């Protein structure tokens, strides 16, 4: 009997990819905090998660086997510009470094939590396979 990883892992496989993408976007914001005219961006987690679960995110890749993973959740279409919380400082940059660092830390904690959930799922599958 074949194991369906989509059913066994649930939403956790999708959340991990989206959290990883969000970490990249937030770190890019932090790196460009002093770049003139740079606009802060963020990932709309709810929209990305909905698209990942429905597999309709717009990015399709050719698969040579039906068991290959779909990378649709990792598309850039759920990345949008963030509305700034502070007035323009004169250089056109909309990055609020404190907000970005806070969001990055929160995202890192949620990423670790998703890894923990996946670890638990894989541990359960290994026990089932071994018959423990």
C-alpha atoms as a PDB file:
ATOM      1  CA  UNK A   1       0.000   0.000   0.000  1.00  0.00           C
ATOM      2  CA  UNK A   2       1.431   3.379  -1.020  1.00  0.00           C
ATOM      3  CA  UNK A   3       1.808   6.214   1.467  1.00  0.00           C
ATOM      4  CA  UNK A   4       0.129   9.476   0.487  1.00  0.00           C
ATOM      5  CA  UNK A   5       2.433  12.186   1.840  1.00  0.00           C
ATOM      6  CA  UNK A   6      -0.170  14.865   1.099  1.00  0.00           C
ATOM      7  CA  UNK A   7      -2.614  13.174   3.457  1.00  0.00           C
ATOM      8  CA  UNK A   8      -0.002  12.101   5.999  1.00  0.00           C
ATOM      9  CA  UNK A   9       1.717  15.476   6.351  1.00  0.00           C
ATOM     10  CA  UNK A  10      -1.351  17.690   6.060  1.00  0.00           C
ATOM     11  CA  UNK A  11      -0.812  21.430   5.773  1.00  0.00           C
ATOM     12  CA  UNK A  12       2.611  21.404   7.429  1.00  0.00           C
ATOM     13  CA  UNK A  13       4.509  20.726   4.204  1.00  0.00           C
ATOM     14  CA  UNK A  14       2.912  23.808   2.644  1.00  0.00           C
ATOM     15  CA  UNK A  15       3.468  26.071   5.650  1.00  0.00           C
ATOM     16  CA  UNK A  16       7.165  25.238   5.679  1.00  0.00           C
ATOM     17  CA  UNK A  17       7.646  26.369   2.073  1.00  0.00           C
ATOM     18  CA  UNK A  18       5.657  29.560   2.574  1.00  0.00           C
ATOM     19  CA  UNK A  19       7.509  30.413   5.801  1.00  0.00           C
ATOM     20  CA  UNK A  20      10.810  29.864   3.986  1.00  0.00           C
ATOM     21  CA  UNK A  21       9.755  32.217   1.191  1.00  0.00           C
ATOM     22  CA  UNK A  22       8.617  34.814   3.736  1.00  0.00           C
ATOM     23  CA  UNK A  23      11.996  34.620   5.493  1.00  0.00           C
ATOM     24  CA  UNK A  24      13.699  35.463   2.195  1.00  0.00           C
ATOM     25  CA  UNK A  25      11.410  38.434   1.576  1.00  0.00           C
ATOM     26  CA  UNK A  26      11.809  39.797   5.121  1.00  0.00           C
ATOM     27  CA  UNK A  27      15.582  39.376   5.067  1.00  0.00           C
ATOM     28  CA  UNK A  28      15.652  41.249   1.753  1.00  0.00           C
ATOM     29  CA  UNK A  29      13.729  44.075   3.426  1.00  0.00           C
ATOM     30  CA  UNK A  30      16.224  44.176   6.302  1.00  0.00           C
ATOM     31  CA  UNK A  31      19.192  44.128   3.925  1.00  0.00           C
ATOM     32  CA  UNK A  32      17.733  47.066   1.976  1.00  0.00           C
ATOM     33  CA  UNK A  33      16.756  49.202   4.975  1.00  0.00           C
ATOM     34  CA  UNK A  34      19.107  51.984   3.826  1.00  0.00           C
ATOM     35  CA  UNK A  35      18.514  51.660   0.078  1.00  0.00           C
ATOM     36  CA  UNK A  36      16.818  54.771  -1.345  1.00  0.00           C
ATOM     37  CA  UNK A  37      13.384  54.162  -2.896  1.00  0.00           C
ATOM     38  CA  UNK A  38      13.269  50.528  -1.733  1.00  0.00           C
ATOM     39  CA  UNK A  39       9.713  49.405  -0.959  1.00  0.00           C
ATOM     40  CA  UNK A  40       9.156  46.853   1.818  1.00  0.00           C
ATOM     41  CA  UNK A  41       7.418  43.655   0.729  1.00  0.00           C
ATOM     42  CA  UNK A  42       5.738  40.778   2.532  1.00  0.00           C
ATOM     43  CA  UNK A  43       4.065  37.463   1.767  1.00  0.00           C
ATOM     44  CA  UNK A  44       0.301  37.202   2.154  1.00  0.00           C
ATOM     45  CA  UNK A  45       0.347  33.966   4.135  1.00  0.00           C
ATOM     46  CA  UNK A  46      -3.400  33.326   3.981  1.00  0.00           C
ATOM     47  CA  UNK A  47      -3.557  33.655   0.180  1.00  0.00           C
ATOM     48  CA  UNK A  48      -0.392  31.603  -0.321  1.00  0.00           C
ATOM     49  CA  UNK A  49      -1.714  28.876   1.970  1.00  0.00           C
ATOM     50  CA  UNK A  50      -5.068  28.767   0.191  1.00  0.00           C
ATOM     51  CA  UNK A  51      -3.319  28.502  -3.167  1.00  0.00           C
ATOM     52  CA  UNK A  52      -0.941  25.803  -1.899  1.00  0.00           C
ATOM     53  CA  UNK A  53      -3.801  23.712  -0.580  1.00  0.00           C
ATOM     54  CA  UNK A  54      -5.869  24.090  -3.745  1.00  0.00           C
ATOM     55  CA  UNK A  55      -2.774  23.731  -5.965  1.00  0.00           C
ATOM     56  CA  UNK A  56      -3.828  26.749  -8.066  1.00  0.00           C
ATOM     57  CA  UNK A  57      -0.990  29.183  -7.516  1.00  0.00           C
ATOM     58  CA  UNK A  58      -0.170  29.658 -11.181  1.00  0.00           C
ATOM     59  CA  UNK A  59       3.336  28.173 -11.255  1.00  0.00           C
ATOM     60  CA  UNK A  60       3.399  24.830 -12.986  1.00  0.00           C
ATOM     61  CA  UNK A  61       6.420  22.692 -13.595  1.00  0.00           C
ATOM     62  CA  UNK A  62       6.872  19.705 -15.829  1.00  0.00           C
ATOM     63  CA  UNK A  63       6.972  16.485 -13.854  1.00  0.00           C
ATOM     64  CA  UNK A  64       8.645  13.363 -15.131  1.00  0.00           C
ATOM     65  CA  UNK A  65       6.913  11.286 -12.444  1.00  0.00           C
ATOM     66  CA  UNK A  66       3.537  11.657 -10.740  1.00  0.00           C
ATOM     67  CA  UNK A  67       5.220  11.404  -7.315  1.00  0.00           C
ATOM     68  CA  UNK A  68       7.353  14.540  -7.740  1.00  0.00           C
ATOM     69  CA  UNK A  69       6.577  17.466  -5.450  1.00  0.00           C
ATOM     70  CA  UNK A  70       4.683  20.455  -6.786  1.00  0.00           C
ATOM     71  CA  UNK A  71       6.573  23.710  -6.264  1.00  0.00           C
ATOM     72  CA  UNK A  72       3.515  25.867  -6.873  1.00  0.00           C
ATOM     73  CA  UNK A  73       3.478  27.232  -3.310  1.00  0.00           C
ATOM     74  CA  UNK A  74       6.868  28.836  -3.854  1.00  0.00           C
ATOM     75  CA  UNK A  75       5.794  31.267  -6.558  1.00  0.00           C
ATOM     76  CA  UNK A  76       6.293  35.011  -6.122  1.00  0.00           C
ATOM     77  CA  UNK A  77       2.668  35.929  -6.865  1.00  0.00           C
ATOM     78  CA  UNK A  78       1.747  36.169  -3.160  1.00  0.00           C
ATOM     79  CA  UNK A  79       4.468  38.726  -2.448  1.00  0.00           C
ATOM     80  CA  UNK A  80       3.154  42.267  -2.288  1.00  0.00           C
ATOM     81  CA  UNK A  81       4.288  45.681  -1.122  1.00  0.00           C
ATOM     82  CA  UNK A  82       3.631  46.520   2.506  1.00  0.00           C
ATOM     83  CA  UNK A  83       1.742  49.661   3.480  1.00  0.00           C
ATOM     84  CA  UNK A  84       4.221  51.737   5.530  1.00  0.00           C
ATOM     85  CA  UNK A  85       3.451  52.531   9.178  1.00  0.00           C
ATOM     86  CA  UNK A  86       5.736  55.536   9.305  1.00  0.00           C
ATOM     87  CA  UNK A  87       5.875  58.720   7.232  1.00  0.00           C
ATOM     88  CA  UNK A  88       8.371  58.975   4.397  1.00  0.00           C
ATOM     89  CA  UNK A  89      11.820  59.910   5.676  1.00  0.00           C
ATOM     90  CA  UNK A  90      12.689  61.674   2.428  1.00  0.00           C
ATOM     91  CA  UNK A  91      14.533  58.880   0.627  1.00  0.00           C
ATOM     92  CA  UNK A  92      11.433  56.925  -0.489  1.00  0.00           C
ATOM     93  CA  UNK A  93      12.358  53.846   1.549  1.00  0.00           C
ATOM     94  CA  UNK A  94       9.387  52.214   3.315  1.00  0.00           C
ATOM     95  CA  UNK A  95      11.323  49.715   5.462  1.00  0.00           C
ATOM     96  CA  UNK A  96      10.709  49.983   9.214  1.00  0.00           C
ATOM     97  CA  UNK A  97      13.663  48.001  10.565  1.00  0.00           C
ATOM     98  CA  UNK A  98      12.017  47.264  13.926  1.00  0.00           C
ATOM     99  CA  UNK A  99       8.880  45.944  12.253  1.00  0.00           C
ATOM    100  CA  UNK A 100      10.952  43.829   9.861  1.00  0.00           C
ATOM    101  CA  UNK A 101      13.068  42.338  12.646  1.00  0.00           C
ATOM    102  CA  UNK A 102       9.962  41.559  14.676  1.00  0.00           C
ATOM    103  CA  UNK A 103       8.240  39.938  11.690  1.00  0.00           C
ATOM    104  CA  UNK A 104      11.410  37.975  10.858  1.00  0.00           C
ATOM    105  CA  UNK A 105      11.662  36.626  14.412  1.00  0.00           C
ATOM    106  CA  UNK A 106       7.973  35.700  14.505  1.00  0.00           C
ATOM    107  CA  UNK A 107       8.334  33.949  11.147  1.00  0.00           C
ATOM    108  CA  UNK A 108      11.432  32.074  12.362  1.00  0.00           C
ATOM    109  CA  UNK A 109       9.536  30.799  15.399  1.00  0.00           C
ATOM    110  CA  UNK A 110       6.628  29.683  13.235  1.00  0.00           C
ATOM    111  CA  UNK A 111       9.066  27.992  10.838  1.00  0.00           C
ATOM    112  CA  UNK A 112      10.595  26.067  13.747  1.00  0.00           C
ATOM    113  CA  UNK A 113       7.114  25.117  14.913  1.00  0.00           C
ATOM    114  CA  UNK A 114       6.259  23.772  11.449  1.00  0.00           C
ATOM    115  CA  UNK A 115       9.482  21.757  11.458  1.00  0.00           C
ATOM    116  CA  UNK A 116       8.499  20.312  14.829  1.00  0.00           C
ATOM    117  CA  UNK A 117       5.080  19.301  13.523  1.00  0.00           C
ATOM    118  CA  UNK A 118       6.642  17.648  10.469  1.00  0.00           C
ATOM    119  CA  UNK A 119       9.139  15.833  12.686  1.00  0.00           C
ATOM    120  CA  UNK A 120       6.244  14.467  14.720  1.00  0.00           C
ATOM    121  CA  UNK A 121       4.444  13.326  11.567  1.00  0.00           C
ATOM    122  CA  UNK A 122       7.552  11.559  10.239  1.00  0.00           C
ATOM    123  CA  UNK A 123       8.191   9.936  13.625  1.00  0.00           C
ATOM    124  CA  UNK A 124       4.645   8.599  13.617  1.00  0.00           C
ATOM    125  CA  UNK A 125       5.044   7.225  10.096  1.00  0.00           C
ATOM    126  CA  UNK A 126       8.356   5.551  11.013  1.00  0.00           C
ATOM    127  CA  UNK A 127       6.705   3.898  14.027  1.00  0.00           C
ATOM    128  CA  UNK A 128       3.855   2.665  11.850  1.00  0.00           C
ATOM    129  CA  UNK A 129       6.259   1.234   9.280  1.00  0.00           C
ATOM    130  CA  UNK A 130       8.406  -0.475  11.921  1.00  0.00           C
ATOM    131  CA  UNK A 131       5.329  -1.704  13.775  1.00  0.00           C
ATOM    132  CA  UNK A 132       6.307  -0.179  17.137  1.00  0.00           C
END
